[in-house]
mmCIF file of all heavy atoms, coordinates in Angstrom:
data_MODEL
# 
_entry.id   MODEL 
# 
loop_
_atom_site.group_PDB 
_atom_site.id 
_atom_site.type_symbol 
_atom_site.label_atom_id 
_atom_site.label_alt_id 
_atom_site.label_comp_id 
_atom_site.label_asym_id 
_atom_site.label_entity_id 
_atom_site.label_seq_id 
_atom_site.pdbx_PDB_ins_code 
_atom_site.Cartn_x 
_atom_site.Cartn_y 
_atom_site.Cartn_z 
_atom_site.occupancy 
_atom_site.B_iso_or_equiv 
_atom_site.pdbx_formal_charge 
_atom_site.auth_seq_id 
_atom_site.auth_comp_id 
_atom_site.auth_asym_id 
_atom_site.auth_atom_id 
_atom_site.pdbx_PDB_model_num 
ATOM 1   N N   . ILE A 1 1  ? -0.015 -0.022  8.287  1.00 0.00 ? 1  ILE A N   1 
ATOM 2   C CA  . ILE A 1 1  ? 0.582  1.251   7.801  1.00 0.00 ? 1  ILE A CA  1 
ATOM 3   C C   . ILE A 1 1  ? 0.348  1.338   6.281  1.00 0.00 ? 1  ILE A C   1 
ATOM 4   O O   . ILE A 1 1  ? -0.030 2.392   5.757  1.00 0.00 ? 1  ILE A O   1 
ATOM 5   C CB  . ILE A 1 1  ? 2.044  1.295   8.145  1.00 0.00 ? 1  ILE A CB  1 
ATOM 6   C CG1 . ILE A 1 1  ? 2.225  1.471   9.626  1.00 0.00 ? 1  ILE A CG1 1 
ATOM 7   C CG2 . ILE A 1 1  ? 2.697  2.493   7.429  1.00 0.00 ? 1  ILE A CG2 1 
ATOM 8   C CD1 . ILE A 1 1  ? 3.762  1.372   10.027 1.00 0.00 ? 1  ILE A CD1 1 
ATOM 9   N N   . ALA A 1 2  ? 0.600  0.211   5.582  1.00 0.00 ? 2  ALA A N   1 
ATOM 10  C CA  . ALA A 1 2  ? 0.478  0.266   4.116  1.00 0.00 ? 2  ALA A CA  1 
ATOM 11  C C   . ALA A 1 2  ? -0.881 0.394   3.722  1.00 0.00 ? 2  ALA A C   1 
ATOM 12  O O   . ALA A 1 2  ? -1.215 1.204   2.749  1.00 0.00 ? 2  ALA A O   1 
ATOM 13  C CB  . ALA A 1 2  ? 1.008  -1.023  3.535  1.00 0.00 ? 2  ALA A CB  1 
ATOM 14  N N   . PHE A 1 3  ? -1.860 -0.238  4.507  1.00 0.00 ? 3  PHE A N   1 
ATOM 15  C CA  . PHE A 1 3  ? -3.298 -0.075  4.157  1.00 0.00 ? 3  PHE A CA  1 
ATOM 16  C C   . PHE A 1 3  ? -3.795 1.340   4.329  1.00 0.00 ? 3  PHE A C   1 
ATOM 17  O O   . PHE A 1 3  ? -4.523 1.936   3.426  1.00 0.00 ? 3  PHE A O   1 
ATOM 18  C CB  . PHE A 1 3  ? -4.160 -1.090  4.853  1.00 0.00 ? 3  PHE A CB  1 
ATOM 19  C CG  . PHE A 1 3  ? -5.584 -1.026  4.644  1.00 0.00 ? 3  PHE A CG  1 
ATOM 20  C CD1 . PHE A 1 3  ? -6.153 -1.540  3.471  1.00 0.00 ? 3  PHE A CD1 1 
ATOM 21  C CD2 . PHE A 1 3  ? -6.432 -0.320  5.538  1.00 0.00 ? 3  PHE A CD2 1 
ATOM 22  C CE1 . PHE A 1 3  ? -7.508 -1.491  3.210  1.00 0.00 ? 3  PHE A CE1 1 
ATOM 23  C CE2 . PHE A 1 3  ? -7.846 -0.256  5.277  1.00 0.00 ? 3  PHE A CE2 1 
ATOM 24  C CZ  . PHE A 1 3  ? -8.276 -0.872  4.079  1.00 0.00 ? 3  PHE A CZ  1 
ATOM 25  N N   . VAL A 1 4  ? -3.505 1.925   5.480  1.00 0.00 ? 4  VAL A N   1 
ATOM 26  C CA  . VAL A 1 4  ? -3.979 3.231   5.764  1.00 0.00 ? 4  VAL A CA  1 
ATOM 27  C C   . VAL A 1 4  ? -3.463 4.266   4.772  1.00 0.00 ? 4  VAL A C   1 
ATOM 28  O O   . VAL A 1 4  ? -4.179 5.085   4.151  1.00 0.00 ? 4  VAL A O   1 
ATOM 29  C CB  . VAL A 1 4  ? -3.538 3.618   7.189  1.00 0.00 ? 4  VAL A CB  1 
ATOM 30  C CG1 . VAL A 1 4  ? -3.873 5.217   7.357  1.00 0.00 ? 4  VAL A CG1 1 
ATOM 31  C CG2 . VAL A 1 4  ? -4.343 2.841   8.205  1.00 0.00 ? 4  VAL A CG2 1 
ATOM 32  N N   . PHE A 1 5  ? -2.200 4.194   4.422  1.00 0.00 ? 5  PHE A N   1 
ATOM 33  C CA  . PHE A 1 5  ? -1.616 5.130   3.456  1.00 0.00 ? 5  PHE A CA  1 
ATOM 34  C C   . PHE A 1 5  ? -2.044 4.821   2.035  1.00 0.00 ? 5  PHE A C   1 
ATOM 35  O O   . PHE A 1 5  ? -2.055 5.683   1.161  1.00 0.00 ? 5  PHE A O   1 
ATOM 36  C CB  . PHE A 1 5  ? -0.054 5.120   3.489  1.00 0.00 ? 5  PHE A CB  1 
ATOM 37  C CG  . PHE A 1 5  ? 0.446  5.932   4.654  1.00 0.00 ? 5  PHE A CG  1 
ATOM 38  C CD1 . PHE A 1 5  ? 0.881  5.361   5.794  1.00 0.00 ? 5  PHE A CD1 1 
ATOM 39  C CD2 . PHE A 1 5  ? 0.575  7.364   4.485  1.00 0.00 ? 5  PHE A CD2 1 
ATOM 40  C CE1 . PHE A 1 5  ? 1.362  6.081   6.877  1.00 0.00 ? 5  PHE A CE1 1 
ATOM 41  C CE2 . PHE A 1 5  ? 1.094  8.003   5.540  1.00 0.00 ? 5  PHE A CE2 1 
ATOM 42  C CZ  . PHE A 1 5  ? 1.493  7.405   6.715  1.00 0.00 ? 5  PHE A CZ  1 
ATOM 43  N N   . SER A 1 6  ? -2.485 3.521   1.768  1.00 0.00 ? 6  SER A N   1 
ATOM 44  C CA  . SER A 1 6  ? -2.870 3.246   0.424  1.00 0.00 ? 6  SER A CA  1 
ATOM 45  C C   . SER A 1 6  ? -4.258 3.872   0.034  1.00 0.00 ? 6  SER A C   1 
ATOM 46  O O   . SER A 1 6  ? -4.607 4.011   -1.118 1.00 0.00 ? 6  SER A O   1 
ATOM 47  C CB  . SER A 1 6  ? -2.893 1.708   0.249  1.00 0.00 ? 6  SER A CB  1 
ATOM 48  O OG  . SER A 1 6  ? -4.056 1.206   1.053  1.00 0.00 ? 6  SER A OG  1 
ATOM 49  N N   . LEU A 1 7  ? -5.033 4.253   1.073  1.00 0.00 ? 7  LEU A N   1 
ATOM 50  C CA  . LEU A 1 7  ? -6.284 4.907   0.899  1.00 0.00 ? 7  LEU A CA  1 
ATOM 51  C C   . LEU A 1 7  ? -6.070 6.258   0.039  1.00 0.00 ? 7  LEU A C   1 
ATOM 52  O O   . LEU A 1 7  ? -7.030 6.708   -0.605 1.00 0.00 ? 7  LEU A O   1 
ATOM 53  C CB  . LEU A 1 7  ? -7.016 5.131   2.179  1.00 0.00 ? 7  LEU A CB  1 
ATOM 54  C CG  . LEU A 1 7  ? -7.370 3.940   2.990  1.00 0.00 ? 7  LEU A CG  1 
ATOM 55  C CD1 . LEU A 1 7  ? -7.981 4.189   4.271  1.00 0.00 ? 7  LEU A CD1 1 
ATOM 56  C CD2 . LEU A 1 7  ? -8.193 2.963   2.198  1.00 0.00 ? 7  LEU A CD2 1 
ATOM 57  N N   . GLY A 1 8  ? -4.874 6.803   0.222  1.00 0.00 ? 8  GLY A N   1 
ATOM 58  C CA  . GLY A 1 8  ? -4.551 7.930   -0.533 1.00 0.00 ? 8  GLY A CA  1 
ATOM 59  C C   . GLY A 1 8  ? -3.777 7.629   -1.789 1.00 0.00 ? 8  GLY A C   1 
ATOM 60  O O   . GLY A 1 8  ? -3.207 8.552   -2.410 1.00 0.00 ? 8  GLY A O   1 
ATOM 61  N N   . TYR A 1 9  ? -3.687 6.433   -2.062 1.00 0.00 ? 9  TYR A N   1 
ATOM 62  C CA  . TYR A 1 9  ? -2.860 5.745   -3.253 1.00 0.00 ? 9  TYR A CA  1 
ATOM 63  C C   . TYR A 1 9  ? -1.385 5.945   -3.197 1.00 0.00 ? 9  TYR A C   1 
ATOM 64  O O   . TYR A 1 9  ? -0.670 4.995   -3.210 1.00 0.00 ? 9  TYR A O   1 
ATOM 65  C CB  . TYR A 1 9  ? -3.337 6.405   -4.531 1.00 0.00 ? 9  TYR A CB  1 
ATOM 66  C CG  . TYR A 1 9  ? -2.633 5.658   -5.763 1.00 0.00 ? 9  TYR A CG  1 
ATOM 67  C CD1 . TYR A 1 9  ? -2.978 4.336   -6.110 1.00 0.00 ? 9  TYR A CD1 1 
ATOM 68  C CD2 . TYR A 1 9  ? -1.690 6.388   -6.517 1.00 0.00 ? 9  TYR A CD2 1 
ATOM 69  C CE1 . TYR A 1 9  ? -2.261 3.856   -7.111 1.00 0.00 ? 9  TYR A CE1 1 
ATOM 70  C CE2 . TYR A 1 9  ? -1.026 5.761   -7.539 1.00 0.00 ? 9  TYR A CE2 1 
ATOM 71  C CZ  . TYR A 1 9  ? -1.303 4.512   -7.897 1.00 0.00 ? 9  TYR A CZ  1 
ATOM 72  O OH  . TYR A 1 9  ? -0.629 3.880   -8.893 1.00 0.00 ? 9  TYR A OH  1 
ATOM 73  N N   . SER A 1 10 ? -0.854 7.071   -2.951 1.00 0.00 ? 10 SER A N   1 
ATOM 74  C CA  . SER A 1 10 ? 0.685  7.247   -2.894 1.00 0.00 ? 10 SER A CA  1 
ATOM 75  C C   . SER A 1 10 ? 0.949  8.519   -1.990 1.00 0.00 ? 10 SER A C   1 
ATOM 76  O O   . SER A 1 10 ? 0.147  9.370   -1.858 1.00 0.00 ? 10 SER A O   1 
ATOM 77  C CB  . SER A 1 10 ? 1.270  7.474   -4.150 1.00 0.00 ? 10 SER A CB  1 
ATOM 78  O OG  . SER A 1 10 ? 0.898  8.623   -4.779 1.00 0.00 ? 10 SER A OG  1 
ATOM 79  N N   . ALA A 1 11 ? 2.084  8.394   -1.321 1.00 0.00 ? 11 ALA A N   1 
ATOM 80  C CA  . ALA A 1 11 ? 2.567  9.498   -0.488 1.00 0.00 ? 11 ALA A CA  1 
ATOM 81  C C   . ALA A 1 11 ? 4.064  9.587   -0.612 1.00 0.00 ? 11 ALA A C   1 
ATOM 82  O O   . ALA A 1 11 ? 4.732  8.560   -0.321 1.00 0.00 ? 11 ALA A O   1 
ATOM 83  C CB  . ALA A 1 11 ? 2.029  9.336   0.966  1.00 0.00 ? 11 ALA A CB  1 
ATOM 84  N N   . GLY A 1 12 ? 4.630  10.798  -0.889 1.00 0.00 ? 12 GLY A N   1 
ATOM 85  C CA  . GLY A 1 12 ? 6.032  10.836  -1.002 1.00 0.00 ? 12 GLY A CA  1 
ATOM 86  C C   . GLY A 1 12 ? 6.740  9.981   -2.086 1.00 0.00 ? 12 GLY A C   1 
ATOM 87  O O   . GLY A 1 12 ? 7.832  9.576   -1.905 1.00 0.00 ? 12 GLY A O   1 
ATOM 88  N N   . GLY A 1 13 ? 5.935  9.697   -3.126 1.00 0.00 ? 13 GLY A N   1 
ATOM 89  C CA  . GLY A 1 13 ? 6.514  8.903   -4.134 1.00 0.00 ? 13 GLY A CA  1 
ATOM 90  C C   . GLY A 1 13 ? 6.544  7.313   -3.800 1.00 0.00 ? 13 GLY A C   1 
ATOM 91  O O   . GLY A 1 13 ? 7.105  6.648   -4.492 1.00 0.00 ? 13 GLY A O   1 
ATOM 92  N N   . VAL A 1 14 ? 5.889  6.955   -2.735 1.00 0.00 ? 14 VAL A N   1 
ATOM 93  C CA  . VAL A 1 14 ? 5.847  5.534   -2.319 1.00 0.00 ? 14 VAL A CA  1 
ATOM 94  C C   . VAL A 1 14 ? 4.447  4.954   -2.648 1.00 0.00 ? 14 VAL A C   1 
ATOM 95  O O   . VAL A 1 14 ? 3.472  5.538   -2.414 1.00 0.00 ? 14 VAL A O   1 
ATOM 96  C CB  . VAL A 1 14 ? 6.119  5.456   -0.817 1.00 0.00 ? 14 VAL A CB  1 
ATOM 97  C CG1 . VAL A 1 14 ? 6.037  3.911   -0.403 1.00 0.00 ? 14 VAL A CG1 1 
ATOM 98  C CG2 . VAL A 1 14 ? 7.491  5.965   -0.416 1.00 0.00 ? 14 VAL A CG2 1 
ATOM 99  N N   . SER A 1 15 ? 4.477  3.813   -3.374 1.00 0.00 ? 15 SER A N   1 
ATOM 100 C CA  . SER A 1 15 ? 3.253  3.161   -3.733 1.00 0.00 ? 15 SER A CA  1 
ATOM 101 C C   . SER A 1 15 ? 2.791  2.232   -2.621 1.00 0.00 ? 15 SER A C   1 
ATOM 102 O O   . SER A 1 15 ? 3.187  1.037   -2.615 1.00 0.00 ? 15 SER A O   1 
ATOM 103 C CB  . SER A 1 15 ? 3.372  2.384   -5.014 1.00 0.00 ? 15 SER A CB  1 
ATOM 104 O OG  . SER A 1 15 ? 2.201  1.740   -5.337 1.00 0.00 ? 15 SER A OG  1 
ATOM 105 N N   . HIS A 1 16 ? 2.080  2.737   -1.708 1.00 0.00 ? 16 HIS A N   1 
ATOM 106 C CA  . HIS A 1 16 ? 1.503  1.871   -0.528 1.00 0.00 ? 16 HIS A CA  1 
ATOM 107 C C   . HIS A 1 16 ? 0.538  0.878   -1.049 1.00 0.00 ? 16 HIS A C   1 
ATOM 108 O O   . HIS A 1 16 ? 0.344  -0.131  -0.427 1.00 0.00 ? 16 HIS A O   1 
ATOM 109 C CB  . HIS A 1 16 ? 0.935  2.809   0.507  1.00 0.00 ? 16 HIS A CB  1 
ATOM 110 C CG  . HIS A 1 16 ? 1.936  3.819   1.191  1.00 0.00 ? 16 HIS A CG  1 
ATOM 111 N ND1 . HIS A 1 16 ? 2.917  3.388   2.017  1.00 0.00 ? 16 HIS A ND1 1 
ATOM 112 C CD2 . HIS A 1 16 ? 2.149  5.085   0.917  1.00 0.00 ? 16 HIS A CD2 1 
ATOM 113 C CE1 . HIS A 1 16 ? 3.588  4.388   2.486  1.00 0.00 ? 16 HIS A CE1 1 
ATOM 114 N NE2 . HIS A 1 16 ? 3.171  5.392   1.758  1.00 0.00 ? 16 HIS A NE2 1 
ATOM 115 N N   . VAL A 1 17 ? -0.041 1.165   -2.210 1.00 0.00 ? 17 VAL A N   1 
ATOM 116 C CA  . VAL A 1 17 ? -0.985 0.165   -2.749 1.00 0.00 ? 17 VAL A CA  1 
ATOM 117 C C   . VAL A 1 17 ? -0.223 -1.102  -3.087 1.00 0.00 ? 17 VAL A C   1 
ATOM 118 O O   . VAL A 1 17 ? -0.626 -2.281  -2.875 1.00 0.00 ? 17 VAL A O   1 
ATOM 119 C CB  . VAL A 1 17 ? -1.635 0.686   -4.032 1.00 0.00 ? 17 VAL A CB  1 
ATOM 120 C CG1 . VAL A 1 17 ? -2.411 -0.393  -4.799 1.00 0.00 ? 17 VAL A CG1 1 
ATOM 121 C CG2 . VAL A 1 17 ? -2.570 1.782   -3.688 1.00 0.00 ? 17 VAL A CG2 1 
ATOM 122 N N   . ALA A 1 18 ? 1.045  -0.944  -3.591 1.00 0.00 ? 18 ALA A N   1 
ATOM 123 C CA  . ALA A 1 18 ? 1.928  -2.145  -3.921 1.00 0.00 ? 18 ALA A CA  1 
ATOM 124 C C   . ALA A 1 18 ? 2.184  -2.912  -2.603 1.00 0.00 ? 18 ALA A C   1 
ATOM 125 O O   . ALA A 1 18 ? 2.227  -4.161  -2.515 1.00 0.00 ? 18 ALA A O   1 
ATOM 126 C CB  . ALA A 1 18 ? 3.129  -1.749  -4.684 1.00 0.00 ? 18 ALA A CB  1 
ATOM 127 N N   . HIS A 1 19 ? 2.471  -2.205  -1.520 1.00 0.00 ? 19 HIS A N   1 
ATOM 128 C CA  . HIS A 1 19 ? 2.835  -2.839  -0.271 1.00 0.00 ? 19 HIS A CA  1 
ATOM 129 C C   . HIS A 1 19 ? 1.683  -3.595  0.279  1.00 0.00 ? 19 HIS A C   1 
ATOM 130 O O   . HIS A 1 19 ? 1.743  -4.839  0.551  1.00 0.00 ? 19 HIS A O   1 
ATOM 131 C CB  . HIS A 1 19 ? 3.303  -1.806  0.709  1.00 0.00 ? 19 HIS A CB  1 
ATOM 132 C CG  . HIS A 1 19 ? 4.493  -1.056  0.335  1.00 0.00 ? 19 HIS A CG  1 
ATOM 133 N ND1 . HIS A 1 19 ? 4.967  0.128   1.000  1.00 0.00 ? 19 HIS A ND1 1 
ATOM 134 C CD2 . HIS A 1 19 ? 5.344  -1.152  -0.765 1.00 0.00 ? 19 HIS A CD2 1 
ATOM 135 C CE1 . HIS A 1 19 ? 6.020  0.571   0.435  1.00 0.00 ? 19 HIS A CE1 1 
ATOM 136 N NE2 . HIS A 1 19 ? 6.256  -0.189  -0.587 1.00 0.00 ? 19 HIS A NE2 1 
ATOM 137 N N   . ALA A 1 20 ? 0.474  -2.912  0.346  1.00 0.00 ? 20 ALA A N   1 
ATOM 138 C CA  . ALA A 1 20 ? -0.648 -3.624  0.949  1.00 0.00 ? 20 ALA A CA  1 
ATOM 139 C C   . ALA A 1 20 ? -1.171 -4.728  -0.078 1.00 0.00 ? 20 ALA A C   1 
ATOM 140 O O   . ALA A 1 20 ? -1.474 -5.846  0.440  1.00 0.00 ? 20 ALA A O   1 
ATOM 141 C CB  . ALA A 1 20 ? -1.808 -2.605  1.160  1.00 0.00 ? 20 ALA A CB  1 
ATOM 142 N N   . GLY A 1 21 ? -1.005 -4.472  -1.311 1.00 0.00 ? 21 GLY A N   1 
ATOM 143 C CA  . GLY A 1 21 ? -1.410 -5.545  -2.325 1.00 0.00 ? 21 GLY A CA  1 
ATOM 144 C C   . GLY A 1 21 ? -0.634 -6.789  -2.215 1.00 0.00 ? 21 GLY A C   1 
ATOM 145 O O   . GLY A 1 21 ? -1.065 -7.908  -2.281 1.00 0.00 ? 21 GLY A O   1 
ATOM 146 N N   . GLY A 1 22 ? 0.768  -6.598  -2.099 1.00 0.00 ? 22 GLY A N   1 
ATOM 147 C CA  . GLY A 1 22 ? 1.705  -7.730  -2.078 1.00 0.00 ? 22 GLY A CA  1 
ATOM 148 C C   . GLY A 1 22 ? 1.342  -8.636  -0.807 1.00 0.00 ? 22 GLY A C   1 
ATOM 149 O O   . GLY A 1 22 ? 1.365  -9.771  -0.869 1.00 0.00 ? 22 GLY A O   1 
ATOM 150 N N   . MET A 1 23 ? 1.050  -7.920  0.274  1.00 0.00 ? 23 MET A N   1 
ATOM 151 C CA  . MET A 1 23 ? 0.763  -8.642  1.561  1.00 0.00 ? 23 MET A CA  1 
ATOM 152 C C   . MET A 1 23 ? -0.579 -9.410  1.500  1.00 0.00 ? 23 MET A C   1 
ATOM 153 O O   . MET A 1 23 ? -0.754 -10.538 1.934  1.00 0.00 ? 23 MET A O   1 
ATOM 154 C CB  . MET A 1 23 ? 0.790  -7.707  2.737  1.00 0.00 ? 23 MET A CB  1 
ATOM 155 C CG  . MET A 1 23 ? 2.108  -7.024  2.980  1.00 0.00 ? 23 MET A CG  1 
ATOM 156 S SD  . MET A 1 23 ? 2.191  -6.090  4.470  1.00 0.00 ? 23 MET A SD  1 
ATOM 157 C CE  . MET A 1 23 ? 2.680  -7.356  5.710  1.00 0.00 ? 23 MET A CE  1 
ATOM 158 N N   . ALA A 1 24 ? -1.575 -8.684  0.930  1.00 0.00 ? 24 ALA A N   1 
ATOM 159 C CA  . ALA A 1 24 ? -2.843 -9.346  0.770  1.00 0.00 ? 24 ALA A CA  1 
ATOM 160 C C   . ALA A 1 24 ? -2.871 -10.558 -0.045 1.00 0.00 ? 24 ALA A C   1 
ATOM 161 O O   . ALA A 1 24 ? -3.466 -11.667 0.152  1.00 0.00 ? 24 ALA A O   1 
ATOM 162 C CB  . ALA A 1 24 ? -3.889 -8.302  0.293  1.00 0.00 ? 24 ALA A CB  1 
ATOM 163 N N   . VAL A 1 25 ? -2.173 -10.361 -1.244 1.00 0.00 ? 25 VAL A N   1 
ATOM 164 C CA  . VAL A 1 25 ? -2.053 -11.554 -2.161 1.00 0.00 ? 25 VAL A CA  1 
ATOM 165 C C   . VAL A 1 25 ? -1.303 -12.693 -1.584 1.00 0.00 ? 25 VAL A C   1 
ATOM 166 O O   . VAL A 1 25 ? -1.619 -13.832 -1.678 1.00 0.00 ? 25 VAL A O   1 
ATOM 167 C CB  . VAL A 1 25 ? -1.501 -11.056 -3.564 1.00 0.00 ? 25 VAL A CB  1 
ATOM 168 C CG1 . VAL A 1 25 ? -1.119 -12.215 -4.383 1.00 0.00 ? 25 VAL A CG1 1 
ATOM 169 C CG2 . VAL A 1 25 ? -2.383 -10.061 -4.210 1.00 0.00 ? 25 VAL A CG2 1 
ATOM 170 N N   . GLY A 1 26 ? -0.189 -12.327 -0.805 1.00 0.00 ? 26 GLY A N   1 
ATOM 171 C CA  . GLY A 1 26 ? 0.615  -13.351 -0.114 1.00 0.00 ? 26 GLY A CA  1 
ATOM 172 C C   . GLY A 1 26 ? -0.154 -14.121 0.895  1.00 0.00 ? 26 GLY A C   1 
ATOM 173 O O   . GLY A 1 26 ? -0.062 -15.345 0.955  1.00 0.00 ? 26 GLY A O   1 
ATOM 174 N N   . TYR A 1 27 ? -1.037 -13.427 1.626  1.00 0.00 ? 27 TYR A N   1 
ATOM 175 C CA  . TYR A 1 27 ? -1.907 -14.070 2.607  1.00 0.00 ? 27 TYR A CA  1 
ATOM 176 C C   . TYR A 1 27 ? -2.849 -15.084 1.930  1.00 0.00 ? 27 TYR A C   1 
ATOM 177 O O   . TYR A 1 27 ? -3.070 -16.129 2.325  1.00 0.00 ? 27 TYR A O   1 
ATOM 178 C CB  . TYR A 1 27 ? -2.659 -13.080 3.421  1.00 0.00 ? 27 TYR A CB  1 
ATOM 179 C CG  . TYR A 1 27 ? -3.536 -13.653 4.524  1.00 0.00 ? 27 TYR A CG  1 
ATOM 180 C CD1 . TYR A 1 27 ? -3.033 -14.119 5.669  1.00 0.00 ? 27 TYR A CD1 1 
ATOM 181 C CD2 . TYR A 1 27 ? -4.967 -13.848 4.259  1.00 0.00 ? 27 TYR A CD2 1 
ATOM 182 C CE1 . TYR A 1 27 ? -3.746 -14.771 6.709  1.00 0.00 ? 27 TYR A CE1 1 
ATOM 183 C CE2 . TYR A 1 27 ? -5.666 -14.411 5.295  1.00 0.00 ? 27 TYR A CE2 1 
ATOM 184 C CZ  . TYR A 1 27 ? -5.041 -14.831 6.442  1.00 0.00 ? 27 TYR A CZ  1 
ATOM 185 O OH  . TYR A 1 27 ? -5.894 -15.420 7.435  1.00 0.00 ? 27 TYR A OH  1 
# 
């Protein structure tokens, strides 16, 4: 979900890039 929405950078004031980035770096 975070990765798909991050392709548009942000939606509804939510930074999905931060969500996907945090998970990717954690992995």
